[in-house]
């Protein structure tokens, strides 16, 4: 699991080339909603060590966030082989994240 938001986001083309299951977390370090989900997100991802986690700092003019049409933080985009298969916007807790991970890992 990635703990710090990266200001250096991969390009949309690089993200689409990723193999396997990837969770992209869009947010900022100062976002209260982003801070609240961290324990649940950590627990959910700890159960799925085969899932790639990218924690991307978002904001105005950030290309990857605009590509995925991110409007609210945190937004979690779940990709399978570079294709979006699920999305959670401001999830209430780790249970919602775990549910989506279980569904996407089962496919």
N, C-alpha and C. Protein backbone atom coordinates (compact mmCIF):
# COMPACT_ATOMS: atom_id res chain seq x y z
N UNK A 1 0.84 -1.19 0.00
CA UNK A 1 0.00 0.00 0.00
C UNK A 1 0.88 1.23 0.00
N UNK A 2 0.49 2.20 -0.78
CA UNK A 2 1.20 3.47 -0.85
C UNK A 2 0.60 4.40 0.21
N UNK A 3 1.44 5.05 1.03
CA UNK A 3 0.93 5.85 2.14
C UNK A 3 0.90 7.35 1.85
N UNK A 4 1.73 7.83 0.96
CA UNK A 4 1.79 9.26 0.64
C UNK A 4 1.21 9.50 -0.75
N UNK A 5 0.50 10.61 -0.89
CA UNK A 5 0.00 10.98 -2.21
C UNK A 5 1.16 11.40 -3.10
N UNK A 6 1.18 10.89 -4.30
CA UNK A 6 2.22 11.23 -5.26
C UNK A 6 1.75 12.38 -6.14
N UNK A 7 2.58 13.39 -6.28
CA UNK A 7 2.24 14.49 -7.18
C UNK A 7 2.69 14.18 -8.61
N UNK A 8 3.45 13.10 -8.77
CA UNK A 8 3.90 12.67 -10.09
C UNK A 8 3.03 11.52 -10.56
N UNK A 9 1.95 11.84 -11.23
CA UNK A 9 1.01 10.82 -11.68
C UNK A 9 1.49 10.22 -13.00
N UNK A 10 1.22 8.94 -13.19
CA UNK A 10 1.50 8.35 -14.50
C UNK A 10 0.54 8.95 -15.53
N UNK A 11 0.86 8.79 -16.78
CA UNK A 11 -0.01 9.28 -17.85
C UNK A 11 -1.20 8.32 -17.98
N UNK A 12 -2.29 8.78 -18.57
CA UNK A 12 -3.42 7.87 -18.82
C UNK A 12 -3.00 6.64 -19.63
N UNK A 13 -2.09 6.85 -20.56
CA UNK A 13 -1.63 5.73 -21.39
C UNK A 13 -0.86 4.70 -20.56
N UNK A 14 -0.06 5.17 -19.61
CA UNK A 14 0.66 4.26 -18.73
C UNK A 14 -0.30 3.48 -17.84
N UNK A 15 -1.33 4.14 -17.35
CA UNK A 15 -2.32 3.48 -16.50
C UNK A 15 -3.07 2.43 -17.30
N UNK A 16 -3.44 2.74 -18.53
CA UNK A 16 -4.18 1.79 -19.36
C UNK A 16 -3.33 0.57 -19.72
N UNK A 17 -2.02 0.68 -19.64
CA UNK A 17 -1.12 -0.43 -19.95
C UNK A 17 -0.85 -1.33 -18.74
N UNK A 18 -1.35 -0.97 -17.55
CA UNK A 18 -1.10 -1.77 -16.35
C UNK A 18 -1.82 -3.11 -16.43
N UNK A 19 -1.13 -4.15 -15.99
CA UNK A 19 -1.73 -5.47 -15.96
C UNK A 19 -2.21 -5.79 -14.55
N UNK A 20 -3.24 -6.61 -14.48
CA UNK A 20 -3.77 -7.02 -13.18
C UNK A 20 -4.71 -5.99 -12.60
N UNK A 21 -4.99 -6.16 -11.32
CA UNK A 21 -5.93 -5.27 -10.63
C UNK A 21 -5.18 -4.11 -9.99
N UNK A 22 -5.65 -2.90 -10.26
CA UNK A 22 -5.06 -1.67 -9.73
C UNK A 22 -6.16 -0.82 -9.11
N UNK A 23 -5.86 -0.24 -7.97
CA UNK A 23 -6.75 0.74 -7.35
C UNK A 23 -6.03 2.08 -7.38
N UNK A 24 -6.65 3.05 -8.03
CA UNK A 24 -6.11 4.41 -8.03
C UNK A 24 -6.93 5.22 -7.04
N UNK A 25 -6.25 5.77 -6.07
CA UNK A 25 -6.89 6.60 -5.05
C UNK A 25 -6.56 8.06 -5.37
N UNK A 26 -7.58 8.85 -5.69
CA UNK A 26 -7.40 10.27 -5.95
C UNK A 26 -7.80 11.04 -4.72
N UNK A 27 -6.97 11.99 -4.29
CA UNK A 27 -7.27 12.80 -3.13
C UNK A 27 -6.13 13.76 -2.86
N UNK A 28 -6.11 14.31 -1.65
CA UNK A 28 -5.04 15.20 -1.21
C UNK A 28 -4.75 14.91 0.26
N UNK A 29 -3.54 15.24 0.72
CA UNK A 29 -3.21 14.97 2.11
C UNK A 29 -4.03 15.79 3.11
N UNK A 30 -4.55 16.94 2.70
CA UNK A 30 -5.28 17.80 3.62
C UNK A 30 -6.79 17.56 3.60
N UNK A 31 -7.27 16.67 2.74
CA UNK A 31 -8.70 16.39 2.61
C UNK A 31 -9.17 15.55 3.79
N UNK A 32 -10.12 16.06 4.55
CA UNK A 32 -10.64 15.34 5.71
C UNK A 32 -11.29 14.02 5.34
N UNK A 33 -12.05 13.98 4.24
CA UNK A 33 -12.69 12.75 3.80
C UNK A 33 -11.62 11.70 3.46
N UNK A 34 -10.53 12.16 2.84
CA UNK A 34 -9.43 11.26 2.46
C UNK A 34 -8.77 10.67 3.71
N UNK A 35 -8.60 11.48 4.73
CA UNK A 35 -7.98 11.02 5.96
C UNK A 35 -8.84 9.99 6.67
N UNK A 36 -10.15 10.19 6.65
CA UNK A 36 -11.08 9.31 7.36
C UNK A 36 -11.07 7.89 6.78
N UNK A 37 -10.92 7.74 5.47
CA UNK A 37 -11.00 6.39 4.88
C UNK A 37 -9.70 5.60 4.99
N UNK A 38 -8.61 6.25 5.38
CA UNK A 38 -7.31 5.57 5.36
C UNK A 38 -7.27 4.27 6.15
N UNK A 39 -7.75 4.20 7.39
CA UNK A 39 -7.67 2.92 8.12
C UNK A 39 -8.43 1.79 7.41
N UNK A 40 -9.63 2.08 6.93
CA UNK A 40 -10.41 1.06 6.23
C UNK A 40 -9.78 0.65 4.92
N UNK A 41 -9.22 1.61 4.21
CA UNK A 41 -8.54 1.32 2.96
C UNK A 41 -7.32 0.44 3.21
N UNK A 42 -6.56 0.77 4.24
CA UNK A 42 -5.38 -0.02 4.59
C UNK A 42 -5.75 -1.46 4.93
N UNK A 43 -6.81 -1.63 5.72
CA UNK A 43 -7.25 -2.98 6.08
C UNK A 43 -7.70 -3.77 4.85
N UNK A 44 -8.47 -3.11 3.98
CA UNK A 44 -8.97 -3.79 2.78
C UNK A 44 -7.83 -4.19 1.85
N UNK A 45 -6.89 -3.30 1.64
CA UNK A 45 -5.77 -3.61 0.75
C UNK A 45 -4.82 -4.64 1.36
N UNK A 46 -4.73 -4.69 2.68
CA UNK A 46 -3.85 -5.66 3.34
C UNK A 46 -4.30 -7.10 3.05
N UNK A 47 -5.58 -7.28 2.78
CA UNK A 47 -6.11 -8.61 2.47
C UNK A 47 -5.92 -8.99 1.01
N UNK A 48 -5.42 -8.06 0.21
CA UNK A 48 -5.27 -8.29 -1.23
C UNK A 48 -3.89 -7.82 -1.67
N UNK A 49 -2.87 -8.60 -1.32
CA UNK A 49 -1.50 -8.16 -1.62
C UNK A 49 -1.16 -8.20 -3.11
N UNK A 50 -2.04 -8.78 -3.92
CA UNK A 50 -1.82 -8.81 -5.37
C UNK A 50 -2.39 -7.58 -6.08
N UNK A 51 -3.00 -6.67 -5.33
CA UNK A 51 -3.61 -5.47 -5.89
C UNK A 51 -2.61 -4.31 -5.83
N UNK A 52 -2.39 -3.69 -6.97
CA UNK A 52 -1.52 -2.50 -7.05
C UNK A 52 -2.33 -1.30 -6.56
N UNK A 53 -1.71 -0.46 -5.73
CA UNK A 53 -2.36 0.73 -5.19
C UNK A 53 -1.57 1.96 -5.60
N UNK A 54 -2.21 2.88 -6.32
CA UNK A 54 -1.60 4.15 -6.69
C UNK A 54 -2.35 5.26 -5.96
N UNK A 55 -1.65 6.03 -5.19
CA UNK A 55 -2.25 7.11 -4.40
C UNK A 55 -1.81 8.41 -5.07
N UNK A 56 -2.72 9.05 -5.79
CA UNK A 56 -2.40 10.18 -6.64
C UNK A 56 -3.02 11.46 -6.09
N UNK A 57 -2.17 12.46 -5.89
CA UNK A 57 -2.66 13.77 -5.47
C UNK A 57 -3.40 14.41 -6.63
N UNK A 58 -4.60 14.87 -6.37
CA UNK A 58 -5.44 15.44 -7.42
C UNK A 58 -5.65 16.93 -7.15
N UNK A 59 -6.09 17.62 -8.16
CA UNK A 59 -6.37 19.04 -8.05
C UNK A 59 -6.57 19.63 -9.43
N UNK A 60 -6.82 20.93 -9.50
CA UNK A 60 -7.04 21.58 -10.79
C UNK A 60 -5.86 21.35 -11.74
N UNK A 61 -6.20 20.99 -12.95
CA UNK A 61 -5.18 20.82 -13.99
C UNK A 61 -4.42 19.51 -13.93
N UNK A 62 -4.76 18.64 -13.01
CA UNK A 62 -4.08 17.35 -12.93
C UNK A 62 -4.65 16.42 -13.99
N UNK A 63 -3.82 16.02 -14.92
CA UNK A 63 -4.27 15.30 -16.11
C UNK A 63 -4.97 13.98 -15.80
N UNK A 64 -4.39 13.17 -14.91
CA UNK A 64 -4.98 11.85 -14.67
C UNK A 64 -6.35 11.97 -14.00
N UNK A 65 -6.48 12.88 -13.07
CA UNK A 65 -7.78 13.10 -12.44
C UNK A 65 -8.83 13.57 -13.44
N UNK A 66 -8.43 14.41 -14.37
CA UNK A 66 -9.38 14.88 -15.39
C UNK A 66 -9.74 13.75 -16.34
N UNK A 67 -8.77 12.90 -16.66
CA UNK A 67 -9.02 11.76 -17.54
C UNK A 67 -10.10 10.86 -16.96
N UNK A 68 -10.05 10.65 -15.64
CA UNK A 68 -11.04 9.80 -14.97
C UNK A 68 -12.25 10.59 -14.47
N UNK A 69 -12.32 11.87 -14.80
CA UNK A 69 -13.46 12.73 -14.44
C UNK A 69 -13.73 12.74 -12.93
N UNK A 70 -12.66 12.88 -12.15
CA UNK A 70 -12.77 12.93 -10.70
C UNK A 70 -13.36 14.27 -10.29
N UNK A 71 -14.41 14.24 -9.49
CA UNK A 71 -15.08 15.44 -9.02
C UNK A 71 -14.95 15.63 -7.51
N UNK A 72 -14.97 14.52 -6.75
CA UNK A 72 -14.91 14.58 -5.29
C UNK A 72 -13.79 13.68 -4.80
N UNK A 73 -13.25 14.02 -3.64
CA UNK A 73 -12.21 13.21 -3.01
C UNK A 73 -12.75 12.56 -1.75
N UNK A 74 -12.28 11.41 -1.43
CA UNK A 74 -11.47 10.55 -2.27
C UNK A 74 -12.33 9.83 -3.31
N UNK A 75 -11.73 9.58 -4.43
CA UNK A 75 -12.33 8.73 -5.46
C UNK A 75 -11.39 7.56 -5.67
N UNK A 76 -11.93 6.36 -5.58
CA UNK A 76 -11.16 5.14 -5.83
C UNK A 76 -11.63 4.55 -7.15
N UNK A 77 -10.70 4.41 -8.08
CA UNK A 77 -10.99 3.83 -9.38
C UNK A 77 -10.32 2.46 -9.42
N UNK A 78 -11.10 1.43 -9.70
CA UNK A 78 -10.62 0.06 -9.75
C UNK A 78 -10.45 -0.33 -11.21
N UNK A 79 -9.24 -0.75 -11.56
CA UNK A 79 -8.93 -1.11 -12.94
C UNK A 79 -8.53 -2.58 -13.03
N UNK A 80 -9.00 -3.25 -14.05
CA UNK A 80 -8.53 -4.60 -14.36
C UNK A 80 -7.87 -4.53 -15.72
N UNK A 81 -6.57 -4.79 -15.76
CA UNK A 81 -5.79 -4.70 -16.99
C UNK A 81 -6.00 -3.36 -17.69
N UNK A 82 -5.99 -2.29 -16.91
CA UNK A 82 -6.07 -0.93 -17.46
C UNK A 82 -7.46 -0.42 -17.78
N UNK A 83 -8.48 -1.24 -17.58
CA UNK A 83 -9.86 -0.85 -17.87
C UNK A 83 -10.62 -0.66 -16.56
N UNK A 84 -11.36 0.44 -16.45
CA UNK A 84 -12.14 0.68 -15.24
C UNK A 84 -13.25 -0.34 -15.10
N UNK A 85 -13.30 -0.97 -13.92
CA UNK A 85 -14.34 -1.97 -13.65
C UNK A 85 -15.24 -1.56 -12.49
N UNK A 86 -14.80 -0.60 -11.68
CA UNK A 86 -15.61 -0.12 -10.55
C UNK A 86 -15.06 1.21 -10.08
N UNK A 87 -15.89 1.91 -9.30
CA UNK A 87 -15.50 3.21 -8.76
C UNK A 87 -16.25 3.44 -7.46
N UNK A 88 -15.54 4.00 -6.48
CA UNK A 88 -16.17 4.43 -5.23
C UNK A 88 -15.82 5.90 -5.02
N UNK A 89 -16.82 6.69 -4.75
CA UNK A 89 -16.63 8.10 -4.47
C UNK A 89 -17.02 8.34 -3.01
N UNK A 90 -16.06 8.86 -2.24
CA UNK A 90 -16.25 9.08 -0.81
C UNK A 90 -16.86 7.86 -0.11
N UNK A 91 -16.16 6.73 -0.19
CA UNK A 91 -16.72 5.54 0.47
C UNK A 91 -16.86 5.76 1.97
N UNK A 92 -17.90 5.15 2.52
CA UNK A 92 -18.21 5.33 3.94
C UNK A 92 -17.19 4.64 4.84
N UNK A 93 -16.56 3.61 4.34
CA UNK A 93 -15.59 2.89 5.17
C UNK A 93 -14.96 1.75 4.42
N UNK A 94 -14.19 0.97 5.14
CA UNK A 94 -13.46 -0.13 4.56
C UNK A 94 -14.34 -1.24 4.03
N UNK A 95 -15.54 -1.39 4.59
CA UNK A 95 -16.43 -2.46 4.14
C UNK A 95 -16.82 -2.28 2.68
N UNK A 96 -17.11 -1.06 2.26
CA UNK A 96 -17.46 -0.80 0.87
C UNK A 96 -16.27 -1.10 -0.04
N UNK A 97 -15.09 -0.73 0.40
CA UNK A 97 -13.88 -0.98 -0.37
C UNK A 97 -13.64 -2.47 -0.48
N UNK A 98 -13.77 -3.18 0.64
CA UNK A 98 -13.57 -4.64 0.65
C UNK A 98 -14.57 -5.34 -0.27
N UNK A 99 -15.81 -4.88 -0.28
CA UNK A 99 -16.85 -5.47 -1.14
C UNK A 99 -16.46 -5.33 -2.61
N UNK A 100 -16.04 -4.15 -3.01
CA UNK A 100 -15.65 -3.95 -4.41
C UNK A 100 -14.40 -4.76 -4.74
N UNK A 101 -13.43 -4.80 -3.83
CA UNK A 101 -12.23 -5.61 -4.07
C UNK A 101 -12.59 -7.09 -4.23
N UNK A 102 -13.47 -7.60 -3.38
CA UNK A 102 -13.87 -9.00 -3.48
C UNK A 102 -14.56 -9.27 -4.81
N UNK A 103 -15.40 -8.36 -5.24
CA UNK A 103 -16.10 -8.54 -6.52
C UNK A 103 -15.15 -8.49 -7.69
N UNK A 104 -14.21 -7.55 -7.68
CA UNK A 104 -13.31 -7.41 -8.81
C UNK A 104 -12.24 -8.50 -8.83
N UNK A 105 -11.84 -8.98 -7.66
CA UNK A 105 -10.86 -10.07 -7.61
C UNK A 105 -11.49 -11.40 -8.06
N UNK A 106 -12.80 -11.52 -7.90
CA UNK A 106 -13.48 -12.76 -8.27
C UNK A 106 -13.69 -12.88 -9.77
N UNK A 107 -13.58 -11.77 -10.49
CA UNK A 107 -13.83 -11.82 -11.94
C UNK A 107 -12.59 -12.17 -12.70
